[in-house]
PDB file of all heavy atoms in Angstrom:
ATOM      1  N   ARG A   1      -4.913  20.625   9.708  1.00  0.00           N
ATOM      2  CA  ARG A   1      -4.433  20.012   8.471  1.00  0.00           C
ATOM      3  C   ARG A   1      -5.206  18.736   8.193  1.00  0.00           C
ATOM      4  O   ARG A   1      -5.660  18.058   9.107  1.00  0.00           O
ATOM      5  CB  ARG A   1      -2.955  19.649   8.580  1.00  0.00           C
ATOM      6  CG  ARG A   1      -2.027  20.806   8.757  1.00  0.00           C
ATOM      7  CD  ARG A   1      -0.633  20.250   8.974  1.00  0.00           C
ATOM      8  NE  ARG A   1       0.332  21.261   9.284  1.00  0.00           N
ATOM      9  CZ  ARG A   1       1.353  21.579   8.489  1.00  0.00           C
ATOM     10  NH1 ARG A   1       1.527  20.954   7.350  1.00  0.00           N
ATOM     11  NH2 ARG A   1       2.202  22.491   8.847  1.00  0.00           N
ATOM     12  N   LYS A   2      -5.302  18.410   6.919  1.00  0.00           N
ATOM     13  CA  LYS A   2      -5.881  17.118   6.532  1.00  0.00           C
ATOM     14  C   LYS A   2      -4.739  16.095   6.523  1.00  0.00           C
ATOM     15  O   LYS A   2      -3.690  16.342   5.935  1.00  0.00           O
ATOM     16  CB  LYS A   2      -6.517  17.212   5.155  1.00  0.00           C
ATOM     17  CG  LYS A   2      -7.106  15.896   4.696  1.00  0.00           C
ATOM     18  CD  LYS A   2      -7.914  16.064   3.445  1.00  0.00           C
ATOM     19  CE  LYS A   2      -8.368  14.757   2.876  1.00  0.00           C
ATOM     20  NZ  LYS A   2      -9.282  13.986   3.618  1.00  0.00           N
ATOM     21  N   PHE A   3      -4.941  14.965   7.179  1.00  0.00           N
ATOM     22  CA  PHE A   3      -3.962  13.886   7.205  1.00  0.00           C
ATOM     23  C   PHE A   3      -4.348  12.856   6.152  1.00  0.00           C
ATOM     24  O   PHE A   3      -5.452  12.331   6.170  1.00  0.00           O
ATOM     25  CB  PHE A   3      -3.916  13.216   8.583  1.00  0.00           C
ATOM     26  CG  PHE A   3      -3.031  13.930   9.551  1.00  0.00           C
ATOM     27  CD1 PHE A   3      -3.410  15.155  10.083  1.00  0.00           C
ATOM     28  CD2 PHE A   3      -1.815  13.395   9.912  1.00  0.00           C
ATOM     29  CE1 PHE A   3      -2.592  15.821  10.967  1.00  0.00           C
ATOM     30  CE2 PHE A   3      -0.984  14.062  10.798  1.00  0.00           C
ATOM     31  CZ  PHE A   3      -1.370  15.278  11.330  1.00  0.00           C
ATOM     32  N   TYR A   4      -3.425  12.590   5.231  1.00  0.00           N
ATOM     33  CA  TYR A   4      -3.669  11.618   4.182  1.00  0.00           C
ATOM     34  C   TYR A   4      -3.124  10.243   4.551  1.00  0.00           C
ATOM     35  O   TYR A   4      -3.711   9.233   4.173  1.00  0.00           O
ATOM     36  CB  TYR A   4      -3.050  12.085   2.861  1.00  0.00           C
ATOM     37  CG  TYR A   4      -3.641  13.388   2.388  1.00  0.00           C
ATOM     38  CD1 TYR A   4      -2.959  14.588   2.530  1.00  0.00           C
ATOM     39  CD2 TYR A   4      -4.909  13.415   1.815  1.00  0.00           C
ATOM     40  CE1 TYR A   4      -3.512  15.782   2.109  1.00  0.00           C
ATOM     41  CE2 TYR A   4      -5.470  14.609   1.392  1.00  0.00           C
ATOM     42  CZ  TYR A   4      -4.771  15.788   1.549  1.00  0.00           C
ATOM     43  OH  TYR A   4      -5.324  16.966   1.144  1.00  0.00           O
ATOM     44  N   GLU A   5      -2.004  10.222   5.259  1.00  0.00           N
ATOM     45  CA  GLU A   5      -1.368   8.943   5.588  1.00  0.00           C
ATOM     46  C   GLU A   5      -0.337   9.162   6.691  1.00  0.00           C
ATOM     47  O   GLU A   5       0.309  10.201   6.752  1.00  0.00           O
ATOM     48  CB  GLU A   5      -0.679   8.396   4.338  1.00  0.00           C
ATOM     49  CG  GLU A   5      -0.337   6.953   4.375  1.00  0.00           C
ATOM     50  CD  GLU A   5       0.032   6.419   2.996  1.00  0.00           C
ATOM     51  OE1 GLU A   5       0.206   7.209   2.044  1.00  0.00           O
ATOM     52  OE2 GLU A   5       0.155   5.206   2.894  1.00  0.00           O
ATOM     53  N   ILE A   6      -0.203   8.165   7.553  1.00  0.00           N
ATOM     54  CA  ILE A   6       0.830   8.147   8.594  1.00  0.00           C
ATOM     55  C   ILE A   6       1.813   7.050   8.216  1.00  0.00           C
ATOM     56  O   ILE A   6       1.413   5.956   7.817  1.00  0.00           O
ATOM     57  CB  ILE A   6       0.241   7.834   9.985  1.00  0.00           C
ATOM     58  CG1 ILE A   6      -0.780   8.892  10.407  1.00  0.00           C
ATOM     59  CG2 ILE A   6       1.330   7.651  11.032  1.00  0.00           C
ATOM     60  CD1 ILE A   6      -0.204  10.170  10.925  1.00  0.00           C
ATOM     61  N   TYR A   7       3.104   7.335   8.332  1.00  0.00           N
ATOM     62  CA  TYR A   7       4.148   6.354   8.031  1.00  0.00           C
ATOM     63  C   TYR A   7       4.871   5.988   9.321  1.00  0.00           C
ATOM     64  O   TYR A   7       5.268   6.861  10.078  1.00  0.00           O
ATOM     65  CB  TYR A   7       5.164   6.941   7.045  1.00  0.00           C
ATOM     66  CG  TYR A   7       4.539   7.470   5.778  1.00  0.00           C
ATOM     67  CD1 TYR A   7       4.446   8.834   5.547  1.00  0.00           C
ATOM     68  CD2 TYR A   7       4.040   6.603   4.816  1.00  0.00           C
ATOM     69  CE1 TYR A   7       3.870   9.331   4.394  1.00  0.00           C
ATOM     70  CE2 TYR A   7       3.460   7.089   3.652  1.00  0.00           C
ATOM     71  CZ  TYR A   7       3.381   8.452   3.450  1.00  0.00           C
ATOM     72  OH  TYR A   7       2.802   8.942   2.305  1.00  0.00           O
ATOM     73  N   LEU A   8       5.041   4.692   9.550  1.00  0.00           N
ATOM     74  CA  LEU A   8       5.754   4.203  10.727  1.00  0.00           C
ATOM     75  C   LEU A   8       6.922   3.337  10.308  1.00  0.00           C
ATOM     76  O   LEU A   8       6.767   2.462   9.456  1.00  0.00           O
ATOM     77  CB  LEU A   8       4.828   3.374  11.622  1.00  0.00           C
ATOM     78  CG  LEU A   8       3.650   4.093  12.261  1.00  0.00           C
ATOM     79  CD1 LEU A   8       2.835   3.096  13.072  1.00  0.00           C
ATOM     80  CD2 LEU A   8       4.124   5.233  13.141  1.00  0.00           C
ATOM     81  N   ALA A   9       8.082   3.570  10.917  1.00  0.00           N
ATOM     82  CA  ALA A   9       9.239   2.703  10.689  1.00  0.00           C
ATOM     83  C   ALA A   9       8.968   1.371  11.372  1.00  0.00           C
ATOM     84  O   ALA A   9       8.497   1.326  12.498  1.00  0.00           O
ATOM     85  CB  ALA A   9      10.507   3.345  11.226  1.00  0.00           C
ATOM     86  N   ARG A  10       9.237   0.297  10.699  1.00  0.00           N
ATOM     87  CA  ARG A  10       8.897  -1.031  11.209  1.00  0.00           C
ATOM     88  C   ARG A  10       9.602  -1.392  12.513  1.00  0.00           C
ATOM     89  O   ARG A  10       9.042  -2.067  13.348  1.00  0.00           O
ATOM     90  CB  ARG A  10       9.237  -2.086  10.161  1.00  0.00           C
ATOM     91  CG  ARG A  10       8.313  -2.040   8.985  1.00  0.00           C
ATOM     92  CD  ARG A  10       8.640  -3.147   8.020  1.00  0.00           C
ATOM     93  NE  ARG A  10       7.801  -3.018   6.843  1.00  0.00           N
ATOM     94  CZ  ARG A  10       8.099  -3.536   5.685  1.00  0.00           C
ATOM     95  NH1 ARG A  10       9.200  -4.231   5.537  1.00  0.00           N
ATOM     96  NH2 ARG A  10       7.292  -3.380   4.659  1.00  0.00           N
ATOM     97  N   ASP A  11      10.817  -0.919  12.692  1.00  0.00           N
ATOM     98  CA  ASP A  11      11.563  -1.325  13.892  1.00  0.00           C
ATOM     99  C   ASP A  11      11.411  -0.330  15.038  1.00  0.00           C
ATOM    100  O   ASP A  11      12.097  -0.410  16.029  1.00  0.00           O
ATOM    101  CB  ASP A  11      13.044  -1.539  13.561  1.00  0.00           C
ATOM    102  CG  ASP A  11      13.749  -0.249  13.156  1.00  0.00           C
ATOM    103  OD1 ASP A  11      13.063   0.757  12.921  1.00  0.00           O
ATOM    104  OD2 ASP A  11      14.988  -0.265  13.073  1.00  0.00           O
ATOM    105  N   ASN A  12      10.486   0.597  14.930  1.00  0.00           N
ATOM    106  CA  ASN A  12      10.283   1.593  15.985  1.00  0.00           C
ATOM    107  C   ASN A  12       9.410   1.008  17.097  1.00  0.00           C
ATOM    108  O   ASN A  12       8.385   0.400  16.824  1.00  0.00           O
ATOM    109  CB  ASN A  12       9.603   2.835  15.390  1.00  0.00           C
ATOM    110  CG  ASN A  12       9.656   4.003  16.330  1.00  0.00           C
ATOM    111  OD1 ASN A  12      10.699   4.339  16.848  1.00  0.00           O
ATOM    112  ND2 ASN A  12       8.520   4.602  16.567  1.00  0.00           N
ATOM    113  N   PRO A  13       9.788   1.201  18.354  1.00  0.00           N
ATOM    114  CA  PRO A  13       8.951   0.716  19.448  1.00  0.00           C
ATOM    115  C   PRO A  13       7.586   1.403  19.416  1.00  0.00           C
ATOM    116  O   PRO A  13       7.498   2.600  19.232  1.00  0.00           O
ATOM    117  CB  PRO A  13       9.719   1.109  20.706  1.00  0.00           C
ATOM    118  CG  PRO A  13      11.035   1.618  20.267  1.00  0.00           C
ATOM    119  CD  PRO A  13      10.989   1.847  18.800  1.00  0.00           C
ATOM    120  N   THR A  14       6.524   0.632  19.593  1.00  0.00           N
ATOM    121  CA  THR A  14       5.185   1.201  19.476  1.00  0.00           C
ATOM    122  C   THR A  14       4.705   1.909  20.737  1.00  0.00           C
ATOM    123  O   THR A  14       3.750   2.655  20.681  1.00  0.00           O
ATOM    124  CB  THR A  14       4.164   0.107  19.102  1.00  0.00           C
ATOM    125  OG1 THR A  14       4.198  -0.901  20.105  1.00  0.00           O
ATOM    126  CG2 THR A  14       4.461  -0.481  17.749  1.00  0.00           C
ATOM    127  N   GLY A  15       5.330   1.691  21.874  1.00  0.00           N
ATOM    128  CA  GLY A  15       4.885   2.297  23.128  1.00  0.00           C
ATOM    129  C   GLY A  15       4.781   3.804  23.073  1.00  0.00           C
ATOM    130  O   GLY A  15       3.832   4.387  23.582  1.00  0.00           O
ATOM    131  N   ARG A  16       5.731   4.468  22.447  1.00  0.00           N
ATOM    132  CA  ARG A  16       5.729   5.928  22.356  1.00  0.00           C
ATOM    133  C   ARG A  16       4.686   6.443  21.366  1.00  0.00           C
ATOM    134  O   ARG A  16       4.357   7.620  21.369  1.00  0.00           O
ATOM    135  CB  ARG A  16       7.104   6.430  21.933  1.00  0.00           C
ATOM    136  CG  ARG A  16       8.178   6.133  22.967  1.00  0.00           C
ATOM    137  CD  ARG A  16       9.525   6.610  22.523  1.00  0.00           C
ATOM    138  NE  ARG A  16       9.530   8.077  22.437  1.00  0.00           N
ATOM    139  CZ  ARG A  16      10.454   8.779  21.799  1.00  0.00           C
ATOM    140  NH1 ARG A  16      11.433   8.158  21.194  1.00  0.00           N
ATOM    141  NH2 ARG A  16      10.404  10.082  21.771  1.00  0.00           N
ATOM    142  N   LEU A  17       4.166   5.567  20.531  1.00  0.00           N
ATOM    143  CA  LEU A  17       3.253   5.988  19.477  1.00  0.00           C
ATOM    144  C   LEU A  17       1.798   5.609  19.743  1.00  0.00           C
ATOM    145  O   LEU A  17       0.936   5.861  18.908  1.00  0.00           O
ATOM    146  CB  LEU A  17       3.700   5.391  18.142  1.00  0.00           C
ATOM    147  CG  LEU A  17       5.121   5.739  17.709  1.00  0.00           C
ATOM    148  CD1 LEU A  17       5.495   4.978  16.458  1.00  0.00           C
ATOM    149  CD2 LEU A  17       5.257   7.228  17.489  1.00  0.00           C
ATOM    150  N   ASP A  18       1.516   5.026  20.904  1.00  0.00           N
ATOM    151  CA  ASP A  18       0.165   4.543  21.193  1.00  0.00           C
ATOM    152  C   ASP A  18      -0.891   5.639  21.062  1.00  0.00           C
ATOM    153  O   ASP A  18      -1.956   5.409  20.489  1.00  0.00           O
ATOM    154  CB  ASP A  18       0.093   3.916  22.586  1.00  0.00           C
ATOM    155  CG  ASP A  18       0.763   2.561  22.646  1.00  0.00           C
ATOM    156  OD1 ASP A  18       1.021   1.977  21.574  1.00  0.00           O
ATOM    157  OD2 ASP A  18       1.040   2.089  23.762  1.00  0.00           O
ATOM    158  N   ASN A  19      -0.628   6.819  21.584  1.00  0.00           N
ATOM    159  CA  ASN A  19      -1.590   7.912  21.521  1.00  0.00           C
ATOM    160  C   ASN A  19      -1.871   8.323  20.077  1.00  0.00           C
ATOM    161  O   ASN A  19      -3.018   8.540  19.693  1.00  0.00           O
ATOM    162  CB  ASN A  19      -1.093   9.110  22.331  1.00  0.00           C
ATOM    163  CG  ASN A  19      -2.159  10.172  22.487  1.00  0.00           C
ATOM    164  OD1 ASN A  19      -3.333   9.867  22.579  1.00  0.00           O
ATOM    165  ND2 ASN A  19      -1.735  11.421  22.526  1.00  0.00           N
ATOM    166  N   ILE A  20      -0.821   8.416  19.276  1.00  0.00           N
ATOM    167  CA  ILE A  20      -0.979   8.783  17.867  1.00  0.00           C
ATOM    168  C   ILE A  20      -1.777   7.709  17.135  1.00  0.00           C
ATOM    169  O   ILE A  20      -2.685   8.021  16.360  1.00  0.00           O
ATOM    170  CB  ILE A  20       0.395   9.003  17.204  1.00  0.00           C
ATOM    171  CG1 ILE A  20       1.052  10.245  17.793  1.00  0.00           C
ATOM    172  CG2 ILE A  20       0.259   9.123  15.691  1.00  0.00           C
ATOM    173  CD1 ILE A  20       2.487  10.460  17.359  1.00  0.00           C
ATOM    174  N   LEU A  21      -1.468   6.456  17.373  1.00  0.00           N
ATOM    175  CA  LEU A  21      -2.183   5.370  16.707  1.00  0.00           C
ATOM    176  C   LEU A  21      -3.656   5.341  17.096  1.00  0.00           C
ATOM    177  O   LEU A  21      -4.517   5.033  16.270  1.00  0.00           O
ATOM    178  CB  LEU A  21      -1.510   4.035  16.995  1.00  0.00           C
ATOM    179  CG  LEU A  21      -0.116   3.880  16.388  1.00  0.00           C
ATOM    180  CD1 LEU A  21       0.516   2.574  16.841  1.00  0.00           C
ATOM    181  CD2 LEU A  21      -0.170   3.957  14.878  1.00  0.00           C
ATOM    182  N   LYS A  22      -3.968   5.692  18.323  1.00  0.00           N
ATOM    183  CA  LYS A  22      -5.367   5.757  18.760  1.00  0.00           C
ATOM    184  C   LYS A  22      -6.105   6.845  17.981  1.00  0.00           C
ATOM    185  O   LYS A  22      -7.228   6.639  17.510  1.00  0.00           O
ATOM    186  CB  LYS A  22      -5.415   6.036  20.271  1.00  0.00           C
ATOM    187  CG  LYS A  22      -6.790   6.304  20.808  1.00  0.00           C
ATOM    188  CD  LYS A  22      -7.629   5.045  20.855  1.00  0.00           C
ATOM    189  CE  LYS A  22      -8.921   5.316  21.586  1.00  0.00           C
ATOM    190  NZ  LYS A  22     -10.105   5.135  20.777  1.00  0.00           N
ATOM    191  N   ILE A  23      -5.484   8.013  17.819  1.00  0.00           N
ATOM    192  CA  ILE A  23      -6.109   9.108  17.073  1.00  0.00           C
ATOM    193  C   ILE A  23      -6.309   8.719  15.611  1.00  0.00           C
ATOM    194  O   ILE A  23      -7.367   8.979  15.035  1.00  0.00           O
ATOM    195  CB  ILE A  23      -5.269  10.397  17.191  1.00  0.00           C
ATOM    196  CG1 ILE A  23      -5.255  10.896  18.644  1.00  0.00           C
ATOM    197  CG2 ILE A  23      -5.805  11.488  16.269  1.00  0.00           C
ATOM    198  CD1 ILE A  23      -4.258  12.007  18.912  1.00  0.00           C
ATOM    199  N   THR A  24      -5.295   8.091  15.011  1.00  0.00           N
ATOM    200  CA  THR A  24      -5.424   7.703  13.598  1.00  0.00           C
ATOM    201  C   THR A  24      -6.544   6.679  13.411  1.00  0.00           C
ATOM    202  O   THR A  24      -7.255   6.713  12.420  1.00  0.00           O
ATOM    203  CB  THR A  24      -4.105   7.142  13.028  1.00  0.00           C
ATOM    204  OG1 THR A  24      -3.711   5.989  13.760  1.00  0.00           O
ATOM    205  CG2 THR A  24      -3.013   8.173  13.045  1.00  0.00           C
ATOM    206  N   GLU A  25      -6.685   5.800  14.368  1.00  0.00           N
ATOM    207  CA  GLU A  25      -7.762   4.804  14.304  1.00  0.00           C
ATOM    208  C   GLU A  25      -9.120   5.492  14.409  1.00  0.00           C
ATOM    209  O   GLU A  25     -10.041   5.191  13.638  1.00  0.00           O
ATOM    210  CB  GLU A  25      -7.594   3.795  15.441  1.00  0.00           C
ATOM    211  CG  GLU A  25      -8.572   2.656  15.399  1.00  0.00           C
ATOM    212  CD  GLU A  25      -8.325   1.673  16.530  1.00  0.00           C
ATOM    213  OE1 GLU A  25      -7.184   1.187  16.647  1.00  0.00           O
ATOM    214  OE2 GLU A  25      -9.272   1.408  17.287  1.00  0.00           O
ATOM    215  N   ASP A  26      -9.256   6.434  15.339  1.00  0.00           N
ATOM    216  CA  ASP A  26     -10.524   7.153  15.521  1.00  0.00           C
ATOM    217  C   ASP A  26     -10.896   7.964  14.278  1.00  0.00           C
ATOM    218  O   ASP A  26     -12.075   8.130  13.975  1.00  0.00           O
ATOM    219  CB  ASP A  26     -10.440   8.090  16.723  1.00  0.00           C
ATOM    220  CG  ASP A  26     -10.367   7.348  18.047  1.00  0.00           C
ATOM    221  OD1 ASP A  26     -10.651   6.127  18.081  1.00  0.00           O
ATOM    222  OD2 ASP A  26      -9.998   7.988  19.059  1.00  0.00           O
ATOM    223  N   ARG A  27      -9.897   8.483  13.569  1.00  0.00           N
ATOM    224  CA  ARG A  27     -10.152   9.343  12.399  1.00  0.00           C
ATOM    225  C   ARG A  27     -10.020   8.609  11.065  1.00  0.00           C
ATOM    226  O   ARG A  27     -10.081   9.234  10.019  1.00  0.00           O
ATOM    227  CB  ARG A  27      -9.186  10.520  12.421  1.00  0.00           C
ATOM    228  CG  ARG A  27      -9.398  11.431  13.606  1.00  0.00           C
ATOM    229  CD  ARG A  27      -8.543  12.641  13.493  1.00  0.00           C
ATOM    230  NE  ARG A  27      -8.567  13.400  14.725  1.00  0.00           N
ATOM    231  CZ  ARG A  27      -7.803  14.441  14.963  1.00  0.00           C
ATOM    232  NH1 ARG A  27      -6.952  14.861  14.036  1.00  0.00           N
ATOM    233  NH2 ARG A  27      -7.873  15.073  16.108  1.00  0.00           N
ATOM    234  N   ASN A  28      -9.820   7.319  11.116  1.00  0.00           N
ATOM    235  CA  ASN A  28      -9.673   6.500   9.903  1.00  0.00           C
ATOM    236  C   ASN A  28      -8.558   7.005   8.980  1.00  0.00           C
ATOM    237  O   ASN A  28      -8.734   7.108   7.774  1.00  0.00           O
ATOM    238  CB  ASN A  28     -10.990   6.422   9.126  1.00  0.00           C
ATOM    239  CG  ASN A  28     -12.043   5.668   9.896  1.00  0.00           C
ATOM    240  OD1 ASN A  28     -11.752   4.691  10.560  1.00  0.00           O
ATOM    241  ND2 ASN A  28     -13.271   6.146   9.838  1.00  0.00           N
ATOM    242  N   ILE A  29      -7.417   7.314   9.565  1.00  0.00           N
ATOM    243  CA  ILE A  29      -6.247   7.733   8.794  1.00  0.00           C
ATOM    244  C   ILE A  29      -5.410   6.494   8.507  1.00  0.00           C
ATOM    245  O   ILE A  29      -5.106   5.723   9.417  1.00  0.00           O
ATOM    246  CB  ILE A  29      -5.403   8.778   9.565  1.00  0.00           C
ATOM    247  CG1 ILE A  29      -6.259  10.012   9.883  1.00  0.00           C
ATOM    248  CG2 ILE A  29      -4.166   9.167   8.774  1.00  0.00           C
ATOM    249  CD1 ILE A  29      -5.608  10.975  10.859  1.00  0.00           C
ATOM    250  N   ALA A  30      -5.050   6.306   7.252  1.00  0.00           N
ATOM    251  CA  ALA A  30      -4.258   5.139   6.853  1.00  0.00           C
ATOM    252  C   ALA A  30      -2.876   5.169   7.511  1.00  0.00           C
ATOM    253  O   ALA A  30      -2.241   6.220   7.575  1.00  0.00           O
ATOM    254  CB  ALA A  30      -4.105   5.107   5.342  1.00  0.00           C
ATOM    255  N   VAL A  31      -2.436   4.017   7.988  1.00  0.00           N
ATOM    256  CA  VAL A  31      -1.103   3.869   8.577  1.00  0.00           C
ATOM    257  C   VAL A  31      -0.322   2.884   7.719  1.00  0.00           C
ATOM    258  O   VAL A  31      -0.765   1.762   7.497  1.00  0.00           O
ATOM    259  CB  VAL A  31      -1.180   3.366  10.034  1.00  0.00           C
ATOM    260  CG1 VAL A  31       0.214   3.149  10.606  1.00  0.00           C
ATOM    261  CG2 VAL A  31      -1.980   4.342  10.896  1.00  0.00           C
ATOM    262  N   THR A  32       0.843   3.330   7.233  1.00  0.00           N
ATOM    263  CA  THR A  32       1.665   2.511   6.351  1.00  0.00           C
ATOM    264  C   THR A  32       3.014   2.234   7.008  1.00  0.00           C
ATOM    265  O   THR A  32       3.732   3.167   7.345  1.00  0.00           O
ATOM    266  CB  THR A  32       1.906   3.248   5.012  1.00  0.00           C
ATOM    267  OG1 THR A  32       0.636   3.537   4.424  1.00  0.00           O
ATOM    268  CG2 THR A  32       2.736   2.406   4.064  1.00  0.00           C
ATOM    269  N   PRO A  33       3.360   0.954   7.206  1.00  0.00           N
ATOM    270  CA  PRO A  33       4.688   0.640   7.739  1.00  0.00           C
ATOM    271  C   PRO A  33       5.743   0.793   6.640  1.00  0.00           C
ATOM    272  O   PRO A  33       5.528   0.396   5.497  1.00  0.00           O
ATOM    273  CB  PRO A  33       4.565  -0.808   8.192  1.00  0.00           C
ATOM    274  CG  PRO A  33       3.424  -1.367   7.418  1.00  0.00           C
ATOM    275  CD  PRO A  33       2.527  -0.234   7.048  1.00  0.00           C
ATOM    276  N   LEU A  34       6.854   1.407   6.983  1.00  0.00           N
ATOM    277  CA  LEU A  34       7.977   1.584   6.060  1.00  0.00           C
ATOM    278  C   LEU A  34       9.261   1.154   6.746  1.00  0.00           C
ATOM    279  O   LEU A  34       9.345   1.147   7.969  1.00  0.00           O
ATOM    280  CB  LEU A  34       8.129   3.064   5.660  1.00  0.00           C
ATOM    281  CG  LEU A  34       7.020   3.729   4.879  1.00  0.00           C
ATOM    282  CD1 LEU A  34       7.359   5.198   4.683  1.00  0.00           C
ATOM    283  CD2 LEU A  34       6.824   3.057   3.547  1.00  0.00           C
ATOM    284  N   LYS A  35      10.251   0.848   5.948  1.00  0.00           N
ATOM    285  CA  LYS A  35      11.581   0.622   6.489  1.00  0.00           C
ATOM    286  C   LYS A  35      12.148   1.981   6.885  1.00  0.00           C
ATOM    287  O   LYS A  35      11.805   3.001   6.282  1.00  0.00           O
ATOM    288  CB  LYS A  35      12.468  -0.041   5.445  1.00  0.00           C
ATOM    289  CG  LYS A  35      12.016  -1.442   5.089  1.00  0.00           C
ATOM    290  CD  LYS A  35      12.907  -2.058   4.050  1.00  0.00           C
ATOM    291  CE  LYS A  35      12.397  -3.446   3.710  1.00  0.00           C
ATOM    292  NZ  LYS A  35      13.172  -4.079   2.647  1.00  0.00           N
ATOM    293  N   PRO A  36      12.996   2.012   7.909  1.00  0.00           N
ATOM    294  CA  PRO A  36      13.561   3.291   8.342  1.00  0.00           C
ATOM    295  C   PRO A  36      14.218   4.090   7.208  1.00  0.00           C
ATOM    296  O   PRO A  36      14.070   5.317   7.153  1.00  0.00           O
ATOM    297  CB  PRO A  36      14.584   2.891   9.407  1.00  0.00           C
ATOM    298  CG  PRO A  36      14.039   1.621   9.969  1.00  0.00           C
ATOM    299  CD  PRO A  36      13.412   0.915   8.799  1.00  0.00           C
ATOM    300  N   LYS A  37      14.888   3.407   6.290  1.00  0.00           N
ATOM    301  CA  LYS A  37      15.526   4.120   5.172  1.00  0.00           C
ATOM    302  C   LYS A  37      14.488   4.760   4.256  1.00  0.00           C
ATOM    303  O   LYS A  37      14.706   5.844   3.730  1.00  0.00           O
ATOM    304  CB  LYS A  37      16.429   3.186   4.369  1.00  0.00           C
ATOM    305  CG  LYS A  37      17.740   2.896   5.032  1.00  0.00           C
ATOM    306  CD  LYS A  37      18.645   2.107   4.122  1.00  0.00           C
ATOM    307  CE  LYS A  37      19.978   1.869   4.806  1.00  0.00           C
ATOM    308  NZ  LYS A  37      20.944   1.211   3.933  1.00  0.00           N
ATOM    309  N   GLN A  38      13.348   4.083   4.062  1.00  0.00           N
ATOM    310  CA  GLN A  38      12.287   4.657   3.238  1.00  0.00           C
ATOM    311  C   GLN A  38      11.713   5.917   3.894  1.00  0.00           C
ATOM    312  O   GLN A  38      11.471   6.918   3.232  1.00  0.00           O
ATOM    313  CB  GLN A  38      11.156   3.644   3.016  1.00  0.00           C
ATOM    314  CG  GLN A  38      11.534   2.482   2.138  1.00  0.00           C
ATOM    315  CD  GLN A  38      10.442   1.437   2.095  1.00  0.00           C
ATOM    316  OE1 GLN A  38       9.988   0.953   3.131  1.00  0.00           O
ATOM    317  NE2 GLN A  38      10.008   1.096   0.887  1.00  0.00           N
ATOM    318  N   LEU A  39      11.502   5.850   5.205  1.00  0.00           N
ATOM    319  CA  LEU A  39      10.990   6.999   5.932  1.00  0.00           C
ATOM    320  C   LEU A  39      12.002   8.138   5.920  1.00  0.00           C
ATOM    321  O   LEU A  39      11.636   9.304   5.768  1.00  0.00           O
ATOM    322  CB  LEU A  39      10.621   6.612   7.364  1.00  0.00           C
ATOM    323  CG  LEU A  39       9.931   7.678   8.211  1.00  0.00           C
ATOM    324  CD1 LEU A  39       8.724   8.269   7.499  1.00  0.00           C
ATOM    325  CD2 LEU A  39       9.537   7.101   9.551  1.00  0.00           C
ATOM    326  N   SER A  40      13.281   7.814   6.021  1.00  0.00           N
ATOM    327  CA  SER A  40      14.328   8.832   5.931  1.00  0.00           C
ATOM    328  C   SER A  40      14.292   9.525   4.575  1.00  0.00           C
ATOM    329  O   SER A  40      14.501  10.742   4.484  1.00  0.00           O
ATOM    330  CB  SER A  40      15.713   8.217   6.159  1.00  0.00           C
ATOM    331  OG  SER A  40      15.833   7.744   7.468  1.00  0.00           O
ATOM    332  N   GLY A  41      14.011   8.775   3.527  1.00  0.00           N
ATOM    333  CA  GLY A  41      13.902   9.352   2.195  1.00  0.00           C
ATOM    334  C   GLY A  41      12.718  10.294   2.073  1.00  0.00           C
ATOM    335  O   GLY A  41      12.824  11.369   1.485  1.00  0.00           O
TER     336      GLY A  41
END
């Protein structure tokens, strides 16, 4: 799949997401912080 954007909830611990963030950085995929309610929507 083509990844257009990754959304992260602001209050989520980053430790579990380190591997994903490394891949997004390597592939230049935009990462957008959102509030948990926005991500739920």
